[in-house]
Amino acid sequence: FMSSCATLAALVFLFGMALFPHLIVSRPEPAH
């Protein structure tokens, strides 16, 4: 269970890495 907790926390970290420094990515106009 603790490994599962660590897995989900790490997935949230990866989600943040996919976004940073964006909070909402605009497509097809990245400038927005």
PDB file of all heavy atoms in Angstrom:
ATOM      1  N   PHE A   1       0.830  -1.207   0.000  1.00  0.00           N
ATOM      2  CA  PHE A   1       0.000   0.000   0.000  1.00  0.00           C
ATOM      3  C   PHE A   1       0.864   1.256   0.000  1.00  0.00           C
ATOM      4  O   PHE A   1       0.570   2.222  -0.715  1.00  0.00           O
ATOM      5  CB  PHE A   1      -0.936  -0.009   1.205  1.00  0.00           C
ATOM      6  CG  PHE A   1      -1.812   1.215   1.299  1.00  0.00           C
ATOM      7  CD1 PHE A   1      -2.823   1.430   0.378  1.00  0.00           C
ATOM      8  CD2 PHE A   1      -1.613   2.158   2.304  1.00  0.00           C
ATOM      9  CE1 PHE A   1      -3.621   2.562   0.458  1.00  0.00           C
ATOM     10  CE2 PHE A   1      -2.403   3.288   2.385  1.00  0.00           C
ATOM     11  CZ  PHE A   1      -3.412   3.492   1.462  1.00  0.00           C
ATOM     12  N   MET A   2       1.930   1.271   0.783  1.00  0.00           N
ATOM     13  CA  MET A   2       2.818   2.432   0.804  1.00  0.00           C
ATOM     14  C   MET A   2       3.500   2.610  -0.552  1.00  0.00           C
ATOM     15  O   MET A   2       3.710   3.743  -1.007  1.00  0.00           O
ATOM     16  CB  MET A   2       3.863   2.281   1.905  1.00  0.00           C
ATOM     17  CG  MET A   2       3.288   2.328   3.315  1.00  0.00           C
ATOM     18  SD  MET A   2       2.251   3.788   3.615  1.00  0.00           S
ATOM     19  CE  MET A   2       3.451   5.104   3.395  1.00  0.00           C
ATOM     20  N   SER A   3       3.841   1.521  -1.221  1.00  0.00           N
ATOM     21  CA  SER A   3       4.410   1.612  -2.567  1.00  0.00           C
ATOM     22  C   SER A   3       3.401   2.188  -3.544  1.00  0.00           C
ATOM     23  O   SER A   3       3.739   2.975  -4.439  1.00  0.00           O
ATOM     24  CB  SER A   3       4.875   0.228  -3.044  1.00  0.00           C
ATOM     25  OG  SER A   3       5.930  -0.253  -2.243  1.00  0.00           O
ATOM     26  N   SER A   4       2.140   1.808  -3.372  1.00  0.00           N
ATOM     27  CA  SER A   4       1.082   2.373  -4.208  1.00  0.00           C
ATOM     28  C   SER A   4       0.943   3.869  -3.956  1.00  0.00           C
ATOM     29  O   SER A   4       0.771   4.656  -4.894  1.00  0.00           O
ATOM     30  CB  SER A   4      -0.241   1.659  -3.927  1.00  0.00           C
ATOM     31  OG  SER A   4      -1.286   2.182  -4.706  1.00  0.00           O
ATOM     32  N   CYS A   5       1.017   4.284  -2.685  1.00  0.00           N
ATOM     33  CA  CYS A   5       0.981   5.720  -2.359  1.00  0.00           C
ATOM     34  C   CYS A   5       2.129   6.452  -3.049  1.00  0.00           C
ATOM     35  O   CYS A   5       1.933   7.534  -3.636  1.00  0.00           O
ATOM     36  CB  CYS A   5       1.080   5.924  -0.851  1.00  0.00           C
ATOM     37  SG  CYS A   5      -0.355   5.361   0.093  1.00  0.00           S
ATOM     38  N   ALA A   6       3.330   5.875  -2.978  1.00  0.00           N
ATOM     39  CA  ALA A   6       4.492   6.499  -3.610  1.00  0.00           C
ATOM     40  C   ALA A   6       4.326   6.563  -5.125  1.00  0.00           C
ATOM     41  O   ALA A   6       4.716   7.546  -5.771  1.00  0.00           O
ATOM     42  CB  ALA A   6       5.760   5.726  -3.246  1.00  0.00           C
ATOM     43  N   THR A   7       3.731   5.527  -5.701  1.00  0.00           N
ATOM     44  CA  THR A   7       3.507   5.508  -7.151  1.00  0.00           C
ATOM     45  C   THR A   7       2.582   6.637  -7.573  1.00  0.00           C
ATOM     46  O   THR A   7       2.867   7.365  -8.536  1.00  0.00           O
ATOM     47  CB  THR A   7       2.902   4.157  -7.565  1.00  0.00           C
ATOM     48  OG1 THR A   7       3.836   3.109  -7.274  1.00  0.00           O
ATOM     49  CG2 THR A   7       2.575   4.141  -9.049  1.00  0.00           C
ATOM     50  N   LEU A   8       1.471   6.808  -6.863  1.00  0.00           N
ATOM     51  CA  LEU A   8       0.523   7.864  -7.230  1.00  0.00           C
ATOM     52  C   LEU A   8       1.129   9.248  -7.019  1.00  0.00           C
ATOM     53  O   LEU A   8       0.908  10.162  -7.830  1.00  0.00           O
ATOM     54  CB  LEU A   8      -0.755   7.716  -6.410  1.00  0.00           C
ATOM     55  CG  LEU A   8      -1.573   6.432  -6.646  1.00  0.00           C
ATOM     56  CD1 LEU A   8      -2.880   6.484  -5.874  1.00  0.00           C
ATOM     57  CD2 LEU A   8      -1.847   6.210  -8.127  1.00  0.00           C
ATOM     58  N   ALA A   9       1.886   9.422  -5.940  1.00  0.00           N
ATOM     59  CA  ALA A   9       2.546  10.715  -5.717  1.00  0.00           C
ATOM     60  C   ALA A   9       3.534  11.019  -6.830  1.00  0.00           C
ATOM     61  O   ALA A   9       3.639  12.163  -7.306  1.00  0.00           O
ATOM     62  CB  ALA A   9       3.248  10.715  -4.357  1.00  0.00           C
ATOM     63  N   ALA A  10       4.266   9.997  -7.277  1.00  0.00           N
ATOM     64  CA  ALA A  10       5.222  10.189  -8.369  1.00  0.00           C
ATOM     65  C   ALA A  10       4.510  10.524  -9.676  1.00  0.00           C
ATOM     66  O   ALA A  10       5.015  11.327 -10.477  1.00  0.00           O
ATOM     67  CB  ALA A  10       6.080   8.933  -8.545  1.00  0.00           C
ATOM     68  N   LEU A  11       3.337   9.938  -9.904  1.00  0.00           N
ATOM     69  CA  LEU A  11       2.581  10.262 -11.111  1.00  0.00           C
ATOM     70  C   LEU A  11       2.134  11.720 -11.111  1.00  0.00           C
ATOM     71  O   LEU A  11       2.122  12.372 -12.161  1.00  0.00           O
ATOM     72  CB  LEU A  11       1.366   9.336 -11.233  1.00  0.00           C
ATOM     73  CG  LEU A  11       1.673   7.877 -11.575  1.00  0.00           C
ATOM     74  CD1 LEU A  11       0.406   7.040 -11.538  1.00  0.00           C
ATOM     75  CD2 LEU A  11       2.332   7.763 -12.949  1.00  0.00           C
ATOM     76  N   VAL A  12       1.776  12.248  -9.932  1.00  0.00           N
ATOM     77  CA  VAL A  12       1.434  13.668  -9.845  1.00  0.00           C
ATOM     78  C   VAL A  12       2.658  14.516 -10.163  1.00  0.00           C
ATOM     79  O   VAL A  12       2.559  15.537 -10.857  1.00  0.00           O
ATOM     80  CB  VAL A  12       0.884  14.006  -8.440  1.00  0.00           C
ATOM     81  CG1 VAL A  12       0.659  15.512  -8.299  1.00  0.00           C
ATOM     82  CG2 VAL A  12      -0.423  13.269  -8.197  1.00  0.00           C
ATOM     83  N   PHE A  13       3.822  14.098  -9.684  1.00  0.00           N
ATOM     84  CA  PHE A  13       5.058  14.813 -10.007  1.00  0.00           C
ATOM     85  C   PHE A  13       5.303  14.821 -11.515  1.00  0.00           C
ATOM     86  O   PHE A  13       5.662  15.852 -12.102  1.00  0.00           O
ATOM     87  CB  PHE A  13       6.235  14.170  -9.285  1.00  0.00           C
ATOM     88  CG  PHE A  13       7.576  14.743  -9.663  1.00  0.00           C
ATOM     89  CD1 PHE A  13       8.052  15.886  -9.040  1.00  0.00           C
ATOM     90  CD2 PHE A  13       8.353  14.148 -10.649  1.00  0.00           C
ATOM     91  CE1 PHE A  13       9.287  16.434  -9.388  1.00  0.00           C
ATOM     92  CE2 PHE A  13       9.589  14.675 -11.009  1.00  0.00           C
ATOM     93  CZ  PHE A  13      10.056  15.830 -10.372  1.00  0.00           C
ATOM     94  N   LEU A  14       5.116  13.683 -12.158  1.00  0.00           N
ATOM     95  CA  LEU A  14       5.326  13.604 -13.609  1.00  0.00           C
ATOM     96  C   LEU A  14       4.316  14.476 -14.353  1.00  0.00           C
ATOM     97  O   LEU A  14       4.649  15.081 -15.379  1.00  0.00           O
ATOM     98  CB  LEU A  14       5.208  12.149 -14.071  1.00  0.00           C
ATOM     99  CG  LEU A  14       6.266  11.192 -13.520  1.00  0.00           C
ATOM    100  CD1 LEU A  14       6.004   9.766 -13.997  1.00  0.00           C
ATOM    101  CD2 LEU A  14       7.665  11.629 -13.926  1.00  0.00           C
ATOM    102  N   PHE A  15       3.101  14.553 -13.833  1.00  0.00           N
ATOM    103  CA  PHE A  15       2.093  15.445 -14.406  1.00  0.00           C
ATOM    104  C   PHE A  15       2.571  16.894 -14.317  1.00  0.00           C
ATOM    105  O   PHE A  15       2.456  17.668 -15.275  1.00  0.00           O
ATOM    106  CB  PHE A  15       0.774  15.254 -13.657  1.00  0.00           C
ATOM    107  CG  PHE A  15      -0.304  16.235 -14.026  1.00  0.00           C
ATOM    108  CD1 PHE A  15      -0.692  16.425 -15.333  1.00  0.00           C
ATOM    109  CD2 PHE A  15      -0.943  16.972 -13.034  1.00  0.00           C
ATOM    110  CE1 PHE A  15      -1.701  17.337 -15.669  1.00  0.00           C
ATOM    111  CE2 PHE A  15      -1.944  17.878 -13.344  1.00  0.00           C
ATOM    112  CZ  PHE A  15      -2.320  18.059 -14.667  1.00  0.00           C
ATOM    113  N   GLY A  16       3.132  17.277 -13.174  1.00  0.00           N
ATOM    114  CA  GLY A  16       3.669  18.626 -13.019  1.00  0.00           C
ATOM    115  C   GLY A  16       4.834  18.892 -13.952  1.00  0.00           C
ATOM    116  O   GLY A  16       4.947  19.984 -14.524  1.00  0.00           O
ATOM    117  N   MET A  17       5.690  17.892 -14.131  1.00  0.00           N
ATOM    118  CA  MET A  17       6.824  18.051 -15.041  1.00  0.00           C
ATOM    119  C   MET A  17       6.353  18.221 -16.483  1.00  0.00           C
ATOM    120  O   MET A  17       6.980  18.932 -17.275  1.00  0.00           O
ATOM    121  CB  MET A  17       7.749  16.846 -14.937  1.00  0.00           C
ATOM    122  CG  MET A  17       8.566  16.797 -13.659  1.00  0.00           C
ATOM    123  SD  MET A  17       9.730  18.179 -13.513  1.00  0.00           S
ATOM    124  CE  MET A  17      10.844  17.833 -14.872  1.00  0.00           C
ATOM    125  N   ALA A  18       5.261  17.558 -16.835  1.00  0.00           N
ATOM    126  CA  ALA A  18       4.734  17.689 -18.194  1.00  0.00           C
ATOM    127  C   ALA A  18       4.177  19.083 -18.453  1.00  0.00           C
ATOM    128  O   ALA A  18       4.165  19.548 -19.594  1.00  0.00           O
ATOM    129  CB  ALA A  18       3.647  16.638 -18.432  1.00  0.00           C
ATOM    130  N   LEU A  19       3.744  19.767 -17.385  1.00  0.00           N
ATOM    131  CA  LEU A  19       3.122  21.074 -17.553  1.00  0.00           C
ATOM    132  C   LEU A  19       4.086  22.242 -17.374  1.00  0.00           C
ATOM    133  O   LEU A  19       4.016  23.221 -18.118  1.00  0.00           O
ATOM    134  CB  LEU A  19       1.976  21.238 -16.542  1.00  0.00           C
ATOM    135  CG  LEU A  19       0.682  20.470 -16.804  1.00  0.00           C
ATOM    136  CD1 LEU A  19      -0.306  20.753 -15.695  1.00  0.00           C
ATOM    137  CD2 LEU A  19       0.081  20.865 -18.149  1.00  0.00           C
ATOM    138  N   PHE A  20       4.934  22.202 -16.374  1.00  0.00           N
ATOM    139  CA  PHE A  20       5.740  23.348 -15.956  1.00  0.00           C
ATOM    140  C   PHE A  20       6.470  24.011 -17.126  1.00  0.00           C
ATOM    141  O   PHE A  20       7.077  23.334 -17.945  1.00  0.00           O
ATOM    142  CB  PHE A  20       6.761  22.891 -14.907  1.00  0.00           C
ATOM    143  CG  PHE A  20       7.549  24.027 -14.310  1.00  0.00           C
ATOM    144  CD1 PHE A  20       7.014  24.794 -13.300  1.00  0.00           C
ATOM    145  CD2 PHE A  20       8.822  24.327 -14.785  1.00  0.00           C
ATOM    146  CE1 PHE A  20       7.739  25.847 -12.752  1.00  0.00           C
ATOM    147  CE2 PHE A  20       9.543  25.372 -14.245  1.00  0.00           C
ATOM    148  CZ  PHE A  20       9.001  26.135 -13.222  1.00  0.00           C
ATOM    149  N   PRO A  21       6.464  25.355 -17.207  1.00  0.00           N
ATOM    150  CA  PRO A  21       5.831  26.321 -16.307  1.00  0.00           C
ATOM    151  C   PRO A  21       4.383  26.643 -16.680  1.00  0.00           C
ATOM    152  O   PRO A  21       3.831  27.615 -16.195  1.00  0.00           O
ATOM    153  CB  PRO A  21       6.710  27.550 -16.484  1.00  0.00           C
ATOM    154  CG  PRO A  21       7.082  27.505 -17.930  1.00  0.00           C
ATOM    155  CD  PRO A  21       7.244  26.036 -18.254  1.00  0.00           C
ATOM    156  N   HIS A  22       3.783  25.827 -17.548  1.00  0.00           N
ATOM    157  CA  HIS A  22       2.405  26.063 -17.950  1.00  0.00           C
ATOM    158  C   HIS A  22       1.441  25.500 -16.910  1.00  0.00           C
ATOM    159  O   HIS A  22       1.762  24.568 -16.182  1.00  0.00           O
ATOM    160  CB  HIS A  22       2.119  25.414 -19.303  1.00  0.00           C
ATOM    161  CG  HIS A  22       2.972  25.925 -20.414  1.00  0.00           C
ATOM    162  ND1 HIS A  22       4.171  25.322 -20.765  1.00  0.00           N
ATOM    163  CD2 HIS A  22       2.823  26.970 -21.251  1.00  0.00           C
ATOM    164  CE1 HIS A  22       4.714  25.996 -21.775  1.00  0.00           C
ATOM    165  NE2 HIS A  22       3.916  26.999 -22.084  1.00  0.00           N
ATOM    166  N   LEU A  23       0.271  26.065 -16.888  1.00  0.00           N
ATOM    167  CA  LEU A  23      -0.839  25.513 -16.130  1.00  0.00           C
ATOM    168  C   LEU A  23      -1.947  25.035 -17.065  1.00  0.00           C
ATOM    169  O   LEU A  23      -2.625  24.056 -16.773  1.00  0.00           O
ATOM    170  CB  LEU A  23      -1.376  26.552 -15.149  1.00  0.00           C
ATOM    171  CG  LEU A  23      -0.440  26.834 -13.962  1.00  0.00           C
ATOM    172  CD1 LEU A  23      -0.824  28.116 -13.257  1.00  0.00           C
ATOM    173  CD2 LEU A  23      -0.435  25.676 -12.981  1.00  0.00           C
ATOM    174  N   ILE A  24      -2.126  25.734 -18.159  1.00  0.00           N
ATOM    175  CA  ILE A  24      -2.990  25.269 -19.242  1.00  0.00           C
ATOM    176  C   ILE A  24      -2.250  25.509 -20.550  1.00  0.00           C
ATOM    177  O   ILE A  24      -1.901  26.652 -20.877  1.00  0.00           O
ATOM    178  CB  ILE A  24      -4.346  26.006 -19.258  1.00  0.00           C
ATOM    179  CG1 ILE A  24      -5.128  25.744 -17.979  1.00  0.00           C
ATOM    180  CG2 ILE A  24      -5.168  25.558 -20.463  1.00  0.00           C
ATOM    181  CD1 ILE A  24      -6.496  26.402 -17.944  1.00  0.00           C
ATOM    182  N   VAL A  25      -1.998  24.441 -21.265  1.00  0.00           N
ATOM    183  CA  VAL A  25      -1.300  24.534 -22.552  1.00  0.00           C
ATOM    184  C   VAL A  25      -2.319  24.829 -23.644  1.00  0.00           C
ATOM    185  O   VAL A  25      -3.387  24.208 -23.698  1.00  0.00           O
ATOM    186  CB  VAL A  25      -0.556  23.222 -22.866  1.00  0.00           C
ATOM    187  CG1 VAL A  25       0.116  23.295 -24.230  1.00  0.00           C
ATOM    188  CG2 VAL A  25       0.472  22.924 -21.778  1.00  0.00           C
ATOM    189  N   SER A  26      -1.989  25.790 -24.510  1.00  0.00           N
ATOM    190  CA  SER A  26      -2.876  26.132 -25.620  1.00  0.00           C
ATOM    191  C   SER A  26      -2.398  25.450 -26.893  1.00  0.00           C
ATOM    192  O   SER A  26      -1.209  25.465 -27.219  1.00  0.00           O
ATOM    193  CB  SER A  26      -2.887  27.654 -25.831  1.00  0.00           C
ATOM    194  OG  SER A  26      -3.658  27.993 -26.968  1.00  0.00           O
ATOM    195  N   ARG A  27      -3.330  24.853 -27.591  1.00  0.00           N
ATOM    196  CA  ARG A  27      -3.028  24.311 -28.911  1.00  0.00           C
ATOM    197  C   ARG A  27      -4.168  24.698 -29.844  1.00  0.00           C
ATOM    198  O   ARG A  27      -5.335  24.732 -29.430  1.00  0.00           O
ATOM    199  CB  ARG A  27      -2.853  22.788 -28.869  1.00  0.00           C
ATOM    200  CG  ARG A  27      -4.111  22.032 -28.425  1.00  0.00           C
ATOM    201  CD  ARG A  27      -3.941  20.540 -28.521  1.00  0.00           C
ATOM    202  NE  ARG A  27      -5.143  19.863 -28.084  1.00  0.00           N
ATOM    203  CZ  ARG A  27      -6.194  19.585 -28.863  1.00  0.00           C
ATOM    204  NH1 ARG A  27      -6.160  19.913 -30.139  1.00  0.00           N
ATOM    205  NH2 ARG A  27      -7.260  18.977 -28.403  1.00  0.00           N
ATOM    206  N   PRO A  28      -3.901  25.039 -31.065  1.00  0.00           N
ATOM    207  CA  PRO A  28      -2.585  24.992 -31.730  1.00  0.00           C
ATOM    208  C   PRO A  28      -1.800  26.301 -31.606  1.00  0.00           C
ATOM    209  O   PRO A  28      -0.834  26.474 -32.343  1.00  0.00           O
ATOM    210  CB  PRO A  28      -2.980  24.740 -33.192  1.00  0.00           C
ATOM    211  CG  PRO A  28      -4.287  25.463 -33.341  1.00  0.00           C
ATOM    212  CD  PRO A  28      -4.985  25.347 -32.012  1.00  0.00           C
ATOM    213  N   GLU A  29      -2.190  27.206 -30.730  1.00  0.00           N
ATOM    214  CA  GLU A  29      -1.504  28.490 -30.567  1.00  0.00           C
ATOM    215  C   GLU A  29      -0.802  28.525 -29.212  1.00  0.00           C
ATOM    216  O   GLU A  29      -1.375  28.964 -28.219  1.00  0.00           O
ATOM    217  CB  GLU A  29      -2.512  29.646 -30.668  1.00  0.00           C
ATOM    218  CG  GLU A  29      -3.139  29.821 -32.031  1.00  0.00           C
ATOM    219  CD  GLU A  29      -2.131  30.299 -33.074  1.00  0.00           C
ATOM    220  OE1 GLU A  29      -1.081  30.852 -32.671  1.00  0.00           O
ATOM    221  OE2 GLU A  29      -2.388  30.105 -34.265  1.00  0.00           O
ATOM    222  N   PRO A  30       0.452  28.049 -29.113  1.00  0.00           N
ATOM    223  CA  PRO A  30       1.154  28.014 -27.826  1.00  0.00           C
ATOM    224  C   PRO A  30       1.267  29.383 -27.161  1.00  0.00           C
ATOM    225  O   PRO A  30       1.373  29.467 -25.936  1.00  0.00           O
ATOM    226  CB  PRO A  30       2.538  27.452 -28.194  1.00  0.00           C
ATOM    227  CG  PRO A  30       2.335  26.735 -29.490  1.00  0.00           C
ATOM    228  CD  PRO A  30       1.262  27.488 -30.209  1.00  0.00           C
ATOM    229  N   ALA A  31       1.231  30.462 -27.961  1.00  0.00           N
ATOM    230  CA  ALA A  31       1.371  31.808 -27.391  1.00  0.00           C
ATOM    231  C   ALA A  31       0.213  32.153 -26.462  1.00  0.00           C
ATOM    232  O   ALA A  31       0.340  33.052 -25.619  1.00  0.00           O
ATOM    233  CB  ALA A  31       1.465  32.842 -28.509  1.00  0.00           C
ATOM    234  N   HIS A  32      -0.905  31.459 -26.580  1.00  0.00           N
ATOM    235  CA  HIS A  32      -2.070  31.738 -25.743  1.00  0.00           C
ATOM    236  C   HIS A  32      -2.066  30.927 -24.446  1.00  0.00           C
ATOM    237  O   HIS A  32      -3.018  31.021 -23.664  1.00  0.00           O
ATOM    238  CB  HIS A  32      -3.356  31.452 -26.511  1.00  0.00           C
ATOM    239  CG  HIS A  32      -3.529  32.303 -27.726  1.00  0.00           C
ATOM    240  ND1 HIS A  32      -4.396  31.967 -28.747  1.00  0.00           N
ATOM    241  CD2 HIS A  32      -2.952  33.474 -28.091  1.00  0.00           C
ATOM    242  CE1 HIS A  32      -4.338  32.899 -29.686  1.00  0.00           C
ATOM    243  NE2 HIS A  32      -3.468  33.823 -29.311  1.00  0.00           N
TER     244      HIS A  32
END
